[in-house]
């Protein structure tokens, strides 16, 4: 079994703006997955970035 090694993850707070309807959807989906709003948004952004084509990234 792998060893558990707790460590600090560097996170930075920032502000974003989005339409109220989209925020309501984010909150609803985050709740469905038992995630905080922040955790859900981070995972969405990470997924989007990992799935961008190379052409889109340039």
PDB file of N, CA and C in Angstrom:
ATOM      1  N   UNK A   1       0.848  -1.173   0.000  1.00  0.00           N
ATOM      2  CA  UNK A   1       0.000   0.000   0.000  1.00  0.00           C
ATOM      3  C   UNK A   1       0.896   1.239   0.000  1.00  0.00           C
ATOM      4  N   UNK A   2       0.489   2.260  -0.733  1.00  0.00           N
ATOM      5  CA  UNK A   2       1.259   3.501  -0.816  1.00  0.00           C
ATOM      6  C   UNK A   2       1.202   4.253   0.505  1.00  0.00           C
ATOM      7  N   UNK A   3       2.286   4.955   0.807  1.00  0.00           N
ATOM      8  CA  UNK A   3       2.327   5.779   2.015  1.00  0.00           C
ATOM      9  C   UNK A   3       1.534   7.061   1.809  1.00  0.00           C
ATOM     10  N   UNK A   4       0.827   7.468   2.836  1.00  0.00           N
ATOM     11  CA  UNK A   4       0.117   8.747   2.803  1.00  0.00           C
ATOM     12  C   UNK A   4       1.061   9.825   3.310  1.00  0.00           C
ATOM     13  N   UNK A   5       1.327  10.800   2.469  1.00  0.00           N
ATOM     14  CA  UNK A   5       2.219  11.890   2.850  1.00  0.00           C
ATOM     15  C   UNK A   5       1.443  13.197   2.687  1.00  0.00           C
ATOM     16  N   UNK A   6       0.904  13.740   3.785  1.00  0.00           N
ATOM     17  CA  UNK A   6       0.159  14.994   3.679  1.00  0.00           C
ATOM     18  C   UNK A   6       1.086  16.123   3.272  1.00  0.00           C
ATOM     19  N   UNK A   7       0.585  17.007   2.435  1.00  0.00           N
ATOM     20  CA  UNK A   7       1.380  18.158   2.020  1.00  0.00           C
ATOM     21  C   UNK A   7       0.468  19.332   1.708  1.00  0.00           C
ATOM     22  N   UNK A   8       1.034  20.492   1.779  1.00  0.00           N
ATOM     23  CA  UNK A   8       0.304  21.720   1.467  1.00  0.00           C
ATOM     24  C   UNK A   8       0.212  21.890  -0.044  1.00  0.00           C
ATOM     25  N   UNK A   9      -0.929  22.314  -0.504  1.00  0.00           N
ATOM     26  CA  UNK A   9      -1.096  22.664  -1.901  1.00  0.00           C
ATOM     27  C   UNK A   9      -1.253  24.162  -1.981  1.00  0.00           C
ATOM     28  N   UNK A  10      -0.488  24.762  -2.836  1.00  0.00           N
ATOM     29  CA  UNK A  10      -0.549  26.207  -2.975  1.00  0.00           C
ATOM     30  C   UNK A  10      -1.792  26.577  -3.784  1.00  0.00           C
ATOM     31  N   UNK A  11      -2.616  27.388  -3.197  1.00  0.00           N
ATOM     32  CA  UNK A  11      -3.830  27.857  -3.857  1.00  0.00           C
ATOM     33  C   UNK A  11      -3.882  29.364  -3.719  1.00  0.00           C
ATOM     34  N   UNK A  12      -4.454  29.990  -4.707  1.00  0.00           N
ATOM     35  CA  UNK A  12      -4.559  31.440  -4.684  1.00  0.00           C
ATOM     36  C   UNK A  12      -6.018  31.828  -4.870  1.00  0.00           C
ATOM     37  N   UNK A  13      -6.458  32.736  -4.068  1.00  0.00           N
ATOM     38  CA  UNK A  13      -7.832  33.211  -4.151  1.00  0.00           C
ATOM     39  C   UNK A  13      -7.931  34.293  -5.225  1.00  0.00           C
ATOM     40  N   UNK A  14      -9.019  34.255  -5.996  1.00  0.00           N
ATOM     41  CA  UNK A  14      -9.281  35.289  -6.989  1.00  0.00           C
ATOM     42  C   UNK A  14     -10.785  35.378  -7.209  1.00  0.00           C
ATOM     43  N   UNK A  15     -11.203  36.373  -7.926  1.00  0.00           N
ATOM     44  CA  UNK A  15     -12.622  36.615  -8.154  1.00  0.00           C
ATOM     45  C   UNK A  15     -12.949  36.433  -9.629  1.00  0.00           C
ATOM     46  N   UNK A  16     -14.069  35.790  -9.901  1.00  0.00           N
ATOM     47  CA  UNK A  16     -14.567  35.711 -11.273  1.00  0.00           C
ATOM     48  C   UNK A  16     -16.015  36.195 -11.272  1.00  0.00           C
ATOM     49  N   UNK A  17     -16.476  36.573 -12.426  1.00  0.00           N
ATOM     50  CA  UNK A  17     -17.868  36.995 -12.586  1.00  0.00           C
ATOM     51  C   UNK A  17     -18.521  36.080 -13.614  1.00  0.00           C
ATOM     52  N   UNK A  18     -19.764  35.687 -13.338  1.00  0.00           N
ATOM     53  CA  UNK A  18     -20.512  34.886 -14.303  1.00  0.00           C
ATOM     54  C   UNK A  18     -21.989  35.208 -14.161  1.00  0.00           C
ATOM     55  N   UNK A  19     -22.735  34.853 -15.202  1.00  0.00           N
ATOM     56  CA  UNK A  19     -24.168  35.115 -15.178  1.00  0.00           C
ATOM     57  C   UNK A  19     -24.809  34.363 -14.007  1.00  0.00           C
ATOM     58  N   UNK A  20     -25.863  34.936 -13.460  1.00  0.00           N
ATOM     59  CA  UNK A  20     -26.549  34.335 -12.313  1.00  0.00           C
ATOM     60  C   UNK A  20     -27.061  32.931 -12.630  1.00  0.00           C
ATOM     61  N   UNK A  21     -27.558  32.738 -13.865  1.00  0.00           N
ATOM     62  CA  UNK A  21     -28.099  31.431 -14.241  1.00  0.00           C
ATOM     63  C   UNK A  21     -26.990  30.376 -14.244  1.00  0.00           C
ATOM     64  N   UNK A  22     -25.803  30.745 -14.757  1.00  0.00           N
ATOM     65  CA  UNK A  22     -24.695  29.807 -14.785  1.00  0.00           C
ATOM     66  C   UNK A  22     -24.240  29.487 -13.366  1.00  0.00           C
ATOM     67  N   UNK A  23     -24.193  30.485 -12.504  1.00  0.00           N
ATOM     68  CA  UNK A  23     -23.788  30.268 -11.121  1.00  0.00           C
ATOM     69  C   UNK A  23     -24.771  29.331 -10.421  1.00  0.00           C
ATOM     70  N   UNK A  24     -26.045  29.481 -10.713  1.00  0.00           N
ATOM     71  CA  UNK A  24     -27.056  28.590 -10.133  1.00  0.00           C
ATOM     72  C   UNK A  24     -26.812  27.152 -10.604  1.00  0.00           C
ATOM     73  N   UNK A  25     -26.466  26.984 -11.884  1.00  0.00           N
ATOM     74  CA  UNK A  25     -26.153  25.652 -12.402  1.00  0.00           C
ATOM     75  C   UNK A  25     -24.905  25.084 -11.727  1.00  0.00           C
ATOM     76  N   UNK A  26     -23.875  25.907 -11.564  1.00  0.00           N
ATOM     77  CA  UNK A  26     -22.641  25.481 -10.892  1.00  0.00           C
ATOM     78  C   UNK A  26     -22.975  25.016  -9.474  1.00  0.00           C
ATOM     79  N   UNK A  27     -23.730  25.808  -8.757  1.00  0.00           N
ATOM     80  CA  UNK A  27     -24.084  25.450  -7.377  1.00  0.00           C
ATOM     81  C   UNK A  27     -24.889  24.159  -7.319  1.00  0.00           C
ATOM     82  N   UNK A  28     -25.818  23.991  -8.242  1.00  0.00           N
ATOM     83  CA  UNK A  28     -26.640  22.786  -8.271  1.00  0.00           C
ATOM     84  C   UNK A  28     -25.777  21.557  -8.546  1.00  0.00           C
ATOM     85  N   UNK A  29     -24.913  21.648  -9.558  1.00  0.00           N
ATOM     86  CA  UNK A  29     -24.063  20.511  -9.906  1.00  0.00           C
ATOM     87  C   UNK A  29     -23.040  20.211  -8.816  1.00  0.00           C
ATOM     88  N   UNK A  30     -22.458  21.248  -8.247  1.00  0.00           N
ATOM     89  CA  UNK A  30     -21.498  21.038  -7.155  1.00  0.00           C
ATOM     90  C   UNK A  30     -22.173  20.293  -6.008  1.00  0.00           C
ATOM     91  N   UNK A  31     -23.385  20.684  -5.700  1.00  0.00           N
ATOM     92  CA  UNK A  31     -24.131  20.031  -4.620  1.00  0.00           C
ATOM     93  C   UNK A  31     -24.410  18.561  -4.954  1.00  0.00           C
ATOM     94  N   UNK A  32     -24.764  18.283  -6.203  1.00  0.00           N
ATOM     95  CA  UNK A  32     -25.036  16.907  -6.623  1.00  0.00           C
ATOM     96  C   UNK A  32     -23.817  16.010  -6.439  1.00  0.00           C
ATOM     97  N   UNK A  33     -22.629  16.580  -6.607  1.00  0.00           N
ATOM     98  CA  UNK A  33     -21.391  15.806  -6.472  1.00  0.00           C
ATOM     99  C   UNK A  33     -20.735  15.981  -5.102  1.00  0.00           C
ATOM    100  N   UNK A  34     -21.442  16.622  -4.192  1.00  0.00           N
ATOM    101  CA  UNK A  34     -20.933  16.875  -2.830  1.00  0.00           C
ATOM    102  C   UNK A  34     -19.584  17.583  -2.842  1.00  0.00           C
ATOM    103  N   UNK A  35     -19.473  18.592  -3.703  1.00  0.00           N
ATOM    104  CA  UNK A  35     -18.267  19.405  -3.811  1.00  0.00           C
ATOM    105  C   UNK A  35     -18.592  20.842  -3.461  1.00  0.00           C
ATOM    106  N   UNK A  36     -17.587  21.578  -3.037  1.00  0.00           N
ATOM    107  CA  UNK A  36     -17.783  23.009  -2.863  1.00  0.00           C
ATOM    108  C   UNK A  36     -17.840  23.649  -4.255  1.00  0.00           C
ATOM    109  N   UNK A  37     -18.359  24.836  -4.314  1.00  0.00           N
ATOM    110  CA  UNK A  37     -18.397  25.586  -5.568  1.00  0.00           C
ATOM    111  C   UNK A  37     -16.983  25.696  -6.141  1.00  0.00           C
ATOM    112  N   UNK A  38     -16.029  26.031  -5.291  1.00  0.00           N
ATOM    113  CA  UNK A  38     -14.644  26.204  -5.725  1.00  0.00           C
ATOM    114  C   UNK A  38     -14.060  24.908  -6.287  1.00  0.00           C
ATOM    115  N   UNK A  39     -14.250  23.806  -5.552  1.00  0.00           N
ATOM    116  CA  UNK A  39     -13.730  22.518  -6.018  1.00  0.00           C
ATOM    117  C   UNK A  39     -14.320  22.134  -7.371  1.00  0.00           C
ATOM    118  N   UNK A  40     -15.614  22.365  -7.536  1.00  0.00           N
ATOM    119  CA  UNK A  40     -16.275  22.023  -8.788  1.00  0.00           C
ATOM    120  C   UNK A  40     -15.723  22.855  -9.940  1.00  0.00           C
ATOM    121  N   UNK A  41     -15.580  24.158  -9.744  1.00  0.00           N
ATOM    122  CA  UNK A  41     -15.074  25.041 -10.798  1.00  0.00           C
ATOM    123  C   UNK A  41     -13.639  24.672 -11.162  1.00  0.00           C
ATOM    124  N   UNK A  42     -12.803  24.394 -10.172  1.00  0.00           N
ATOM    125  CA  UNK A  42     -11.414  24.001 -10.444  1.00  0.00           C
ATOM    126  C   UNK A  42     -11.387  22.740 -11.304  1.00  0.00           C
ATOM    127  N   UNK A  43     -12.212  21.758 -10.964  1.00  0.00           N
ATOM    128  CA  UNK A  43     -12.227  20.521 -11.733  1.00  0.00           C
ATOM    129  C   UNK A  43     -12.734  20.745 -13.153  1.00  0.00           C
ATOM    130  N   UNK A  44     -13.708  21.631 -13.323  1.00  0.00           N
ATOM    131  CA  UNK A  44     -14.211  21.955 -14.660  1.00  0.00           C
ATOM    132  C   UNK A  44     -13.135  22.631 -15.501  1.00  0.00           C
ATOM    133  N   UNK A  45     -12.434  23.574 -14.910  1.00  0.00           N
ATOM    134  CA  UNK A  45     -11.373  24.280 -15.637  1.00  0.00           C
ATOM    135  C   UNK A  45     -10.254  23.310 -15.990  1.00  0.00           C
ATOM    136  N   UNK A  46      -9.852  22.471 -15.039  1.00  0.00           N
ATOM    137  CA  UNK A  46      -8.788  21.489 -15.303  1.00  0.00           C
ATOM    138  C   UNK A  46      -9.189  20.558 -16.448  1.00  0.00           C
ATOM    139  N   UNK A  47     -10.421  20.064 -16.428  1.00  0.00           N
ATOM    140  CA  UNK A  47     -10.909  19.174 -17.477  1.00  0.00           C
ATOM    141  C   UNK A  47     -10.875  19.881 -18.828  1.00  0.00           C
ATOM    142  N   UNK A  48     -11.357  21.116 -18.870  1.00  0.00           N
ATOM    143  CA  UNK A  48     -11.373  21.870 -20.125  1.00  0.00           C
ATOM    144  C   UNK A  48      -9.961  22.079 -20.663  1.00  0.00           C
ATOM    145  N   UNK A  49      -9.036  22.425 -19.792  1.00  0.00           N
ATOM    146  CA  UNK A  49      -7.660  22.670 -20.225  1.00  0.00           C
ATOM    147  C   UNK A  49      -6.996  21.390 -20.734  1.00  0.00           C
ATOM    148  N   UNK A  50      -7.259  20.273 -20.065  1.00  0.00           N
ATOM    149  CA  UNK A  50      -6.660  19.005 -20.478  1.00  0.00           C
ATOM    150  C   UNK A  50      -7.235  18.482 -21.783  1.00  0.00           C
ATOM    151  N   UNK A  51      -8.420  18.936 -22.136  1.00  0.00           N
ATOM    152  CA  UNK A  51      -9.083  18.427 -23.338  1.00  0.00           C
ATOM    153  C   UNK A  51      -9.088  19.418 -24.507  1.00  0.00           C
ATOM    154  N   UNK A  52      -8.359  20.506 -24.358  1.00  0.00           N
ATOM    155  CA  UNK A  52      -8.229  21.442 -25.470  1.00  0.00           C
ATOM    156  C   UNK A  52      -7.291  20.828 -26.504  1.00  0.00           C
ATOM    157  N   UNK A  53      -7.591  21.039 -27.763  1.00  0.00           N
ATOM    158  CA  UNK A  53      -6.690  20.549 -28.795  1.00  0.00           C
ATOM    159  C   UNK A  53      -5.436  21.440 -28.802  1.00  0.00           C
ATOM    160  N   UNK A  54      -4.365  20.923 -29.334  1.00  0.00           N
ATOM    161  CA  UNK A  54      -3.118  21.672 -29.393  1.00  0.00           C
ATOM    162  C   UNK A  54      -3.306  22.979 -30.165  1.00  0.00           C
ATOM    163  N   UNK A  55      -4.110  22.957 -31.217  1.00  0.00           N
ATOM    164  CA  UNK A  55      -4.374  24.152 -32.034  1.00  0.00           C
ATOM    165  C   UNK A  55      -5.068  25.237 -31.208  1.00  0.00           C
ATOM    166  N   UNK A  56      -6.013  24.824 -30.353  1.00  0.00           N
ATOM    167  CA  UNK A  56      -6.730  25.777 -29.510  1.00  0.00           C
ATOM    168  C   UNK A  56      -5.805  26.428 -28.499  1.00  0.00           C
ATOM    169  N   UNK A  57      -4.769  25.710 -28.054  1.00  0.00           N
ATOM    170  CA  UNK A  57      -3.869  26.229 -27.040  1.00  0.00           C
ATOM    171  C   UNK A  57      -2.902  27.264 -27.601  1.00  0.00           C
ATOM    172  N   UNK A  58      -2.708  27.280 -28.904  1.00  0.00           N
ATOM    173  CA  UNK A  58      -1.766  28.232 -29.505  1.00  0.00           C
ATOM    174  C   UNK A  58      -2.440  29.478 -29.906  1.00  0.00           C
TER     175      UNK A  58
END
